Amino acid sequence: MNFFTSRKNHNSSGFEVGSNQSFEPATNRPGEDDRYMARALQLAVKGVNSSHPNPAVGCVIVNDGKVVGEGWHQNAGGPHAEIMALKSAGSAARGATMYVTLEPCCHQGKTPPCTRAVIKSGIARVVTALEDPNPLVNRAGISALQQAGIDVLCGVGQNQAKQINRGFLKRVTIGIPWVTLKIATSLDGKTAMDSGESQWITGSAARRDAHRLRASSSAILTGVGTVLRDDPSMTARSEGVQRQPHRIILDTNLSTPVEANIFNGDGKVLLLTTITDEESIPPYDPRKTEVISFEEVRGRIDLYQVVKILGEKEYNSILLEAGSRLSGSMLRAGLVDEIVVYMSPDLLGSDARDMFSIGGMQFLSDRIAFEFESVIAVGRDMKVTLRPVSVS
């Protein structure tokens, strides 16, 4: 029996893309535009696991009330969604309407400008969910289409499009990635027994969902304490995974063993340290490991510098899976955009380990406030998603 409810429909990629969200602004043919944009959004989600560092984009081409072409951006360096859809449509694109979840690009990157192909195809109308805030685009794509005589409507399905590409949008606008703190806990807020035993607090359904969350992230961030204690691989073991998220370890003194499981499997490993002497760096495999040195700040790595560097390296979304100290420090620094808690209906007792270690709070005004974004049942467990709010 399901006692929990969700404010949005929840899909298998970890994104809440629900049909009950409003589209804005209103269009002159809302039913038609909303319906086809909803399909484009579904296609965009297909690329969430593989498009990093590019945005996940979907595209649908409709002519005379029929879908004649579809596509999505499958991987960085590959054809964009518009190109895939145009190839699918062929000559049927002439006079058609294109529905695309992000403004078509107008610059030469790893692939030619999409606007050039759209104009050449004879597309008559383009409906896009979002303007692209990337300085290389930023309405220039829309302007190019309009100058070519193409009717452009922007804003249909924008709330859902923002949710799908929240990491990309944050990185290209303020330079740092979206950070989700993921944690598995008992009903009384404990993450492990006093002995360290924690497998498994939550059930198999919650663990599968957590792996989908890993797969949709650019990278997973943890501390060296977790590596030394649990020796995790931190890979995404989920059906249909096309790329493994990179693993990032905060390791001030480079204590991570060269034989640690974190180095196994696909995906790059970044070690963040205050060690600057190259002779003091253990012989990690340079083919898959990068060591980044930071200036020491009160004996630690500056977390603000960490997220800044990760943004510069084009990581869109970071999944924080760490112990109570690093999780608490990230929360205290205001660097967490979202918390996802997988909560079991069990009690582990007062001697078990707490979710967060956050000291220095004496008054209610010191609290770090969140609001419930969604609450859903996942097997016998509960998945709670929270977003930060200001304390009034």
Protein backbone atom coordinates (compact mmCIF):
# COMPACT_ATOMS: atom_id res chain seq x y z
CA MET A 1 0.00 0.00 0.00
CA ASN A 2 1.48 3.36 -1.05
CA PHE A 3 1.25 6.06 1.61
CA PHE A 4 3.52 8.53 -0.16
CA THR A 5 2.75 11.02 -2.88
CA SER A 6 4.80 13.00 -5.34
CA ARG A 7 4.21 16.44 -6.75
CA LYS A 8 5.59 15.33 -10.13
CA ASN A 9 5.80 12.21 -12.22
CA HIS A 10 9.14 10.52 -11.70
CA ASN A 11 11.01 8.84 -14.50
CA SER A 12 13.87 6.37 -14.56
CA SER A 13 16.60 8.92 -15.24
CA GLY A 14 16.19 10.67 -11.91
CA PHE A 15 14.50 13.68 -13.48
CA GLU A 16 11.04 14.81 -12.58
CA VAL A 17 9.53 15.52 -15.97
CA GLY A 18 5.83 15.68 -15.32
CA SER A 19 2.94 16.43 -17.65
CA ASN A 20 1.21 18.44 -14.93
CA GLN A 21 3.72 21.30 -15.06
CA SER A 22 2.51 24.46 -16.76
CA PHE A 23 3.99 25.60 -20.06
CA GLU A 24 4.74 29.27 -20.45
CA PRO A 25 4.16 31.54 -22.18
CA ALA A 26 0.78 30.50 -23.62
CA THR A 27 0.88 29.81 -27.35
CA ASN A 28 -1.59 30.48 -30.14
CA ARG A 29 -2.02 26.70 -30.52
CA PRO A 30 -1.29 25.41 -27.03
CA GLY A 31 -2.55 21.86 -27.38
CA GLU A 32 -0.44 21.10 -30.44
CA ASP A 33 2.71 22.88 -29.28
CA ASP A 34 2.56 21.43 -25.78
CA ARG A 35 2.03 17.90 -27.08
CA TYR A 36 4.97 17.89 -29.47
CA MET A 37 7.26 19.70 -27.04
CA ALA A 38 6.41 17.05 -24.43
CA ARG A 39 7.74 14.45 -26.88
CA ALA A 40 10.89 16.50 -27.49
CA LEU A 41 11.46 16.64 -23.72
CA GLN A 42 11.12 12.86 -23.51
CA LEU A 43 13.77 12.54 -26.19
CA ALA A 44 16.06 14.99 -24.37
CA VAL A 45 16.03 12.77 -21.27
CA LYS A 46 17.47 9.94 -23.36
CA GLY A 47 20.71 11.91 -23.60
CA VAL A 48 21.03 12.82 -19.94
CA ASN A 49 23.46 9.96 -19.23
CA SER A 50 25.70 10.55 -22.21
CA SER A 51 25.69 14.17 -23.41
CA HIS A 52 28.07 15.67 -20.80
CA PRO A 53 29.37 18.33 -20.88
CA ASN A 54 26.82 19.36 -23.49
CA PRO A 55 23.16 19.89 -22.63
CA ALA A 56 20.63 17.10 -23.16
CA VAL A 57 18.44 18.19 -26.08
CA GLY A 58 15.53 16.59 -27.88
CA CYS A 59 13.95 17.55 -31.18
CA VAL A 60 10.73 16.68 -33.05
CA ILE A 61 9.78 17.78 -36.56
CA VAL A 62 6.09 17.93 -37.47
CA ASN A 63 4.61 18.48 -40.91
CA ASP A 64 0.89 18.59 -41.63
CA GLY A 65 0.03 17.19 -38.21
CA LYS A 66 2.41 14.22 -38.49
CA VAL A 67 5.77 13.59 -36.82
CA VAL A 68 8.25 13.23 -39.69
CA GLY A 69 11.52 13.35 -37.74
CA GLU A 70 12.94 12.87 -34.25
CA GLY A 71 16.35 13.04 -32.64
CA TRP A 72 18.30 13.75 -29.48
CA HIS A 73 21.87 14.68 -28.65
CA GLN A 74 23.49 11.38 -27.78
CA ASN A 75 27.09 12.33 -26.95
CA ALA A 76 29.48 15.27 -26.96
CA GLY A 77 31.12 15.63 -30.34
CA GLY A 78 28.27 13.82 -32.07
CA PRO A 79 25.40 15.34 -34.08
CA HIS A 80 23.07 17.65 -32.19
CA ALA A 81 19.39 16.82 -31.75
CA GLU A 82 18.33 19.12 -34.60
CA ILE A 83 20.68 17.42 -37.05
CA MET A 84 19.49 13.97 -36.03
CA ALA A 85 15.85 15.00 -36.49
CA LEU A 86 16.51 16.67 -39.85
CA LYS A 87 18.27 13.57 -41.10
CA SER A 88 15.28 11.52 -39.98
CA ALA A 89 12.81 13.86 -41.68
CA GLY A 90 14.64 14.29 -44.97
CA SER A 91 12.68 16.32 -47.53
CA ALA A 92 9.60 16.26 -45.28
CA ALA A 93 11.26 18.97 -43.17
CA ARG A 94 10.41 21.63 -45.78
CA GLY A 95 7.56 23.77 -44.49
CA ALA A 96 7.47 21.88 -41.17
CA THR A 97 7.61 22.97 -37.54
CA MET A 98 10.62 22.01 -35.43
CA TYR A 99 10.18 21.52 -31.67
CA VAL A 100 13.52 21.65 -29.85
CA THR A 101 14.15 21.85 -26.11
CA LEU A 102 17.02 24.36 -26.35
CA GLU A 103 17.79 27.23 -28.69
CA PRO A 104 19.68 25.93 -31.76
CA CYS A 105 23.38 26.77 -31.72
CA CYS A 106 24.80 29.24 -34.22
CA HIS A 107 28.55 28.80 -33.65
CA GLN A 108 31.18 26.38 -34.89
CA GLY A 109 32.15 23.95 -32.16
CA LYS A 110 32.94 20.26 -32.53
CA THR A 111 30.06 20.27 -35.01
CA PRO A 112 28.81 22.94 -37.48
CA PRO A 113 26.10 25.45 -36.45
CA CYS A 114 22.64 23.90 -36.22
CA THR A 115 20.98 27.10 -37.40
CA ARG A 116 22.66 26.71 -40.79
CA ALA A 117 21.18 23.23 -41.28
CA VAL A 118 17.73 24.32 -40.03
CA ILE A 119 17.61 27.23 -42.48
CA LYS A 120 18.85 25.10 -45.37
CA SER A 121 16.22 22.41 -44.67
CA GLY A 122 13.30 24.75 -45.32
CA ILE A 123 11.85 24.52 -41.80
CA ALA A 124 9.11 27.18 -41.55
CA ARG A 125 8.66 27.44 -37.79
CA VAL A 126 10.77 26.67 -34.72
CA VAL A 127 9.35 26.22 -31.22
CA THR A 128 12.00 26.08 -28.49
CA ALA A 129 11.66 25.59 -24.76
CA LEU A 130 14.64 27.66 -23.66
CA GLU A 131 17.01 30.34 -24.81
CA ASP A 132 20.58 29.05 -24.50
CA PRO A 133 22.44 31.19 -21.90
CA ASN A 134 25.81 30.01 -23.24
CA PRO A 135 27.62 33.25 -24.24
CA LEU A 136 28.41 31.62 -27.60
CA VAL A 137 24.66 31.44 -28.33
CA ASN A 138 22.46 33.60 -26.03
CA ARG A 139 19.65 34.43 -28.51
CA ALA A 140 22.00 34.64 -31.50
CA GLY A 141 20.57 31.33 -32.74
CA ILE A 142 17.02 32.65 -32.51
CA SER A 143 18.04 35.87 -34.29
CA ALA A 144 19.68 33.92 -37.13
CA LEU A 145 16.51 31.89 -37.67
CA GLN A 146 14.28 34.98 -37.60
CA GLN A 147 16.51 36.82 -40.04
CA ALA A 148 16.09 33.87 -42.40
CA GLY A 149 12.31 34.31 -42.24
CA ILE A 150 11.60 31.46 -39.84
CA ASP A 151 8.87 32.02 -37.25
CA VAL A 152 10.30 31.39 -33.76
CA LEU A 153 8.39 30.83 -30.50
CA CYS A 154 10.35 30.43 -27.25
CA GLY A 155 9.15 29.29 -23.82
CA VAL A 156 6.98 26.23 -24.43
CA GLY A 157 7.84 23.65 -21.75
CA GLN A 158 10.57 25.80 -20.25
CA ASN A 159 10.12 24.60 -16.65
CA GLN A 160 10.72 21.00 -17.63
CA ALA A 161 13.60 21.91 -19.93
CA LYS A 162 15.27 23.81 -17.09
CA GLN A 163 14.94 20.77 -14.83
CA ILE A 164 16.56 18.47 -17.38
CA ASN A 165 19.52 20.79 -17.97
CA ARG A 166 19.78 22.48 -14.59
CA GLY A 167 23.47 21.55 -14.29
CA PHE A 168 24.42 22.88 -17.71
CA LEU A 169 22.41 26.07 -17.15
CA LYS A 170 24.05 26.73 -13.79
CA ARG A 171 27.55 26.09 -15.10
CA VAL A 172 27.31 28.33 -18.16
CA THR A 173 25.68 31.17 -16.20
CA ILE A 174 27.64 31.28 -12.91
CA GLY A 175 30.54 28.95 -13.62
CA ILE A 176 29.95 26.14 -11.11
CA PRO A 177 28.11 22.81 -11.36
CA TRP A 178 24.83 21.74 -9.79
CA VAL A 179 25.54 19.75 -6.61
CA THR A 180 23.19 17.03 -5.38
CA LEU A 181 23.90 15.49 -1.99
CA LYS A 182 22.72 11.88 -1.97
CA ILE A 183 22.42 9.93 1.25
CA ALA A 184 20.87 6.69 2.48
CA THR A 185 19.54 6.83 6.02
CA SER A 186 17.34 5.13 8.55
CA LEU A 187 14.13 6.64 9.88
CA ASP A 188 16.08 8.07 12.83
CA GLY A 189 18.61 9.77 10.55
CA LYS A 190 21.50 7.28 10.82
CA THR A 191 23.78 6.26 7.97
CA ALA A 192 25.69 3.36 9.53
CA MET A 193 26.10 1.43 12.73
CA ASP A 194 28.80 2.54 15.17
CA SER A 195 30.99 -0.24 13.77
CA GLY A 196 30.67 1.25 10.27
CA GLU A 197 28.32 -1.46 8.99
CA SER A 198 25.90 0.08 6.47
CA GLN A 199 25.07 -2.56 3.84
CA TRP A 200 22.24 -2.31 3.34
CA ILE A 201 20.19 0.36 5.09
CA THR A 202 17.80 0.73 2.16
CA GLY A 203 16.27 -1.90 -0.11
CA SER A 204 17.13 -2.96 -3.64
CA ALA A 205 14.61 -0.63 -5.31
CA ALA A 206 16.15 2.43 -3.64
CA ARG A 207 19.64 1.28 -4.57
CA ARG A 208 18.64 0.86 -8.21
CA ASP A 209 17.19 4.36 -8.22
CA ALA A 210 20.40 5.71 -6.67
CA HIS A 211 22.44 4.12 -9.46
CA ARG A 212 20.25 5.89 -12.03
CA LEU A 213 21.01 9.12 -10.18
CA ARG A 214 24.73 8.32 -10.45
CA ALA A 215 24.40 7.63 -14.16
CA SER A 216 22.80 11.03 -14.80
CA SER A 217 25.64 12.89 -13.04
CA SER A 218 28.82 14.23 -14.60
CA ALA A 219 30.86 13.08 -11.62
CA ILE A 220 30.65 11.66 -8.11
CA LEU A 221 32.41 13.52 -5.31
CA THR A 222 33.57 11.90 -2.08
CA GLY A 223 36.23 12.23 0.60
CA VAL A 224 39.28 10.06 1.15
CA GLY A 225 37.78 8.83 4.43
CA THR A 226 35.01 7.07 2.52
CA VAL A 227 37.58 5.54 0.15
CA LEU A 228 39.75 4.26 2.98
CA ARG A 229 36.80 2.97 5.02
CA ASP A 230 34.62 1.38 2.34
CA ASP A 231 36.90 0.99 -0.72
CA PRO A 232 33.96 1.76 -3.07
CA SER A 233 34.05 1.63 -6.86
CA MET A 234 31.44 4.42 -7.14
CA THR A 235 30.34 3.38 -10.61
CA ALA A 236 26.82 3.54 -12.03
CA ARG A 237 25.47 0.01 -12.22
CA SER A 238 22.27 0.70 -14.07
CA GLU A 239 20.65 -0.59 -17.23
CA GLY A 240 21.52 1.40 -20.33
CA VAL A 241 24.47 3.31 -18.86
CA GLN A 242 26.44 4.77 -21.78
CA ARG A 243 29.17 6.52 -19.81
CA GLN A 244 30.49 6.21 -16.30
CA PRO A 245 30.56 9.36 -14.19
CA HIS A 246 34.01 10.56 -13.25
CA ARG A 247 35.03 10.05 -9.63
CA ILE A 248 36.44 12.94 -7.63
CA ILE A 249 38.19 12.42 -4.28
CA LEU A 250 39.08 15.15 -1.79
CA ASP A 251 42.36 13.77 -0.49
CA THR A 252 44.47 16.42 1.22
CA ASN A 253 47.50 14.19 1.83
CA LEU A 254 47.02 11.78 -1.12
CA SER A 255 46.25 8.79 1.07
CA THR A 256 44.23 6.98 -1.61
CA PRO A 257 45.94 3.61 -2.31
CA VAL A 258 46.97 3.04 -5.92
CA GLU A 259 45.13 -0.30 -5.81
CA ALA A 260 41.84 1.17 -4.54
CA ASN A 261 38.62 0.07 -6.27
CA ILE A 262 37.92 3.66 -7.23
CA PHE A 263 40.45 3.26 -10.07
CA ASN A 264 38.75 0.19 -11.54
CA GLY A 265 36.33 0.33 -14.44
CA ASP A 266 35.65 3.11 -16.91
CA GLY A 267 35.62 6.78 -16.05
CA LYS A 268 38.31 9.23 -15.03
CA VAL A 269 39.43 9.76 -11.42
CA LEU A 270 40.37 13.21 -10.10
CA LEU A 271 42.36 13.46 -6.87
CA LEU A 272 42.14 16.88 -5.22
CA THR A 273 45.01 17.54 -2.82
CA THR A 274 47.23 20.15 -1.18
CA ILE A 275 50.36 18.19 -2.13
CA THR A 276 52.43 20.16 -4.63
CA ASP A 277 55.68 18.19 -4.66
CA GLU A 278 55.48 15.83 -7.64
CA GLU A 279 57.88 13.40 -5.97
CA SER A 280 55.38 12.97 -3.12
CA ILE A 281 52.57 11.90 -5.46
CA PRO A 282 51.99 8.11 -5.47
CA PRO A 283 52.37 6.33 -8.84
CA TYR A 284 48.76 6.60 -9.97
CA ASP A 285 47.98 5.54 -13.53
CA PRO A 286 48.24 8.80 -15.54
CA ARG A 287 46.01 7.40 -18.30
CA LYS A 288 42.93 7.63 -16.08
CA THR A 289 43.98 9.69 -13.07
CA GLU A 290 44.46 13.44 -12.71
CA VAL A 291 45.95 15.03 -9.59
CA ILE A 292 44.95 18.64 -8.94
CA SER A 293 46.76 20.61 -6.25
CA PHE A 294 45.07 23.36 -4.22
CA GLU A 295 46.47 25.93 -1.86
CA GLU A 296 45.96 24.80 1.73
CA VAL A 297 43.39 26.82 3.70
CA ARG A 298 43.44 26.11 7.43
CA GLY A 299 44.79 22.65 6.74
CA ARG A 300 42.08 21.79 4.21
CA ILE A 301 41.08 22.21 0.60
CA ASP A 302 38.91 25.27 -0.04
CA LEU A 303 35.53 23.89 -1.12
CA TYR A 304 34.67 27.07 -3.03
CA GLN A 305 37.80 26.57 -5.14
CA VAL A 306 36.82 22.94 -5.69
CA VAL A 307 33.46 23.75 -7.29
CA LYS A 308 35.04 26.59 -9.27
CA ILE A 309 37.67 24.26 -10.75
CA LEU A 310 35.02 21.62 -11.50
CA GLY A 311 33.01 24.25 -13.36
CA GLU A 312 36.06 25.25 -15.38
CA LYS A 313 36.52 21.59 -16.27
CA GLU A 314 32.95 21.59 -17.62
CA TYR A 315 31.33 19.33 -15.06
CA ASN A 316 27.62 20.14 -15.18
CA SER A 317 26.38 18.09 -12.22
CA ILE A 318 28.11 16.64 -9.19
CA LEU A 319 26.67 13.89 -7.00
CA LEU A 320 28.06 14.21 -3.49
CA GLU A 321 28.30 10.82 -1.79
CA ALA A 322 30.42 11.38 1.29
CA GLY A 323 30.68 11.01 5.02
CA SER A 324 29.11 13.30 7.59
CA ARG A 325 32.04 15.75 7.76
CA LEU A 326 32.38 16.54 4.05
CA SER A 327 28.60 16.53 3.58
CA GLY A 328 28.23 18.88 6.52
CA SER A 329 30.99 21.18 5.27
CA MET A 330 29.40 21.42 1.82
CA LEU A 331 26.04 22.24 3.39
CA ARG A 332 27.56 24.82 5.70
CA ALA A 333 29.34 26.44 2.75
CA GLY A 334 26.04 26.74 0.85
CA LEU A 335 27.32 24.64 -2.04
CA VAL A 336 24.50 22.06 -2.11
CA ASP A 337 21.65 22.70 -4.55
CA GLU A 338 19.61 19.65 -3.64
CA ILE A 339 19.48 16.80 -1.15
CA VAL A 340 18.16 13.38 -2.12
CA VAL A 341 17.50 11.17 0.90
CA TYR A 342 16.68 7.49 0.56
CA MET A 343 15.08 6.71 3.92
CA SER A 344 14.30 3.26 5.25
CA PRO A 345 11.48 2.72 7.75
CA ASP A 346 13.96 1.24 10.28
CA LEU A 347 15.62 2.51 13.44
CA LEU A 348 19.37 2.09 14.02
CA GLY A 349 19.60 3.62 17.50
CA SER A 350 21.41 6.50 19.16
CA ASP A 351 24.89 4.91 18.87
CA ALA A 352 24.71 4.76 15.07
CA ARG A 353 26.36 7.38 12.88
CA ASP A 354 24.60 10.65 12.04
CA MET A 355 23.84 11.97 8.56
CA PHE A 356 25.76 15.23 8.92
CA SER A 357 28.45 16.72 11.12
CA ILE A 358 27.68 20.43 11.36
CA GLY A 359 28.92 22.31 14.39
CA GLY A 360 28.62 25.88 15.58
CA MET A 361 24.83 26.21 15.56
CA GLN A 362 23.39 27.79 18.70
CA PHE A 363 20.16 29.41 17.55
CA LEU A 364 17.32 28.49 15.24
CA SER A 365 18.39 31.36 13.01
CA ASP A 366 21.63 29.41 12.38
CA ARG A 367 19.78 26.51 10.81
CA ILE A 368 20.26 25.47 7.20
CA ALA A 369 16.74 25.45 5.81
CA PHE A 370 15.31 23.24 3.06
CA GLU A 371 11.87 22.67 1.61
CA PHE A 372 10.34 19.44 0.35
CA GLU A 373 10.43 19.22 -3.43
CA SER A 374 9.00 15.71 -3.68
CA VAL A 375 8.34 12.63 -1.55
CA ILE A 376 7.83 9.28 -3.24
CA ALA A 377 7.83 5.63 -2.27
CA VAL A 378 10.65 3.52 -3.74
CA GLY A 379 10.02 -0.08 -2.77
CA ARG A 380 9.73 -0.20 1.01
CA ASP A 381 11.72 3.01 1.36
CA MET A 382 11.01 6.68 0.87
CA LYS A 383 12.83 9.05 -1.47
CA VAL A 384 12.79 12.64 -0.25
CA THR A 385 14.08 15.45 -2.46
CA LEU A 386 14.77 18.82 -0.83
CA ARG A 387 15.86 22.24 -2.07
CA PRO A 388 17.44 25.01 0.03
CA VAL A 389 15.44 28.06 1.08
CA SER A 390 16.32 31.28 2.86
CA VAL A 391 15.57 31.50 6.59
CA SER A 392 13.25 34.43 7.30
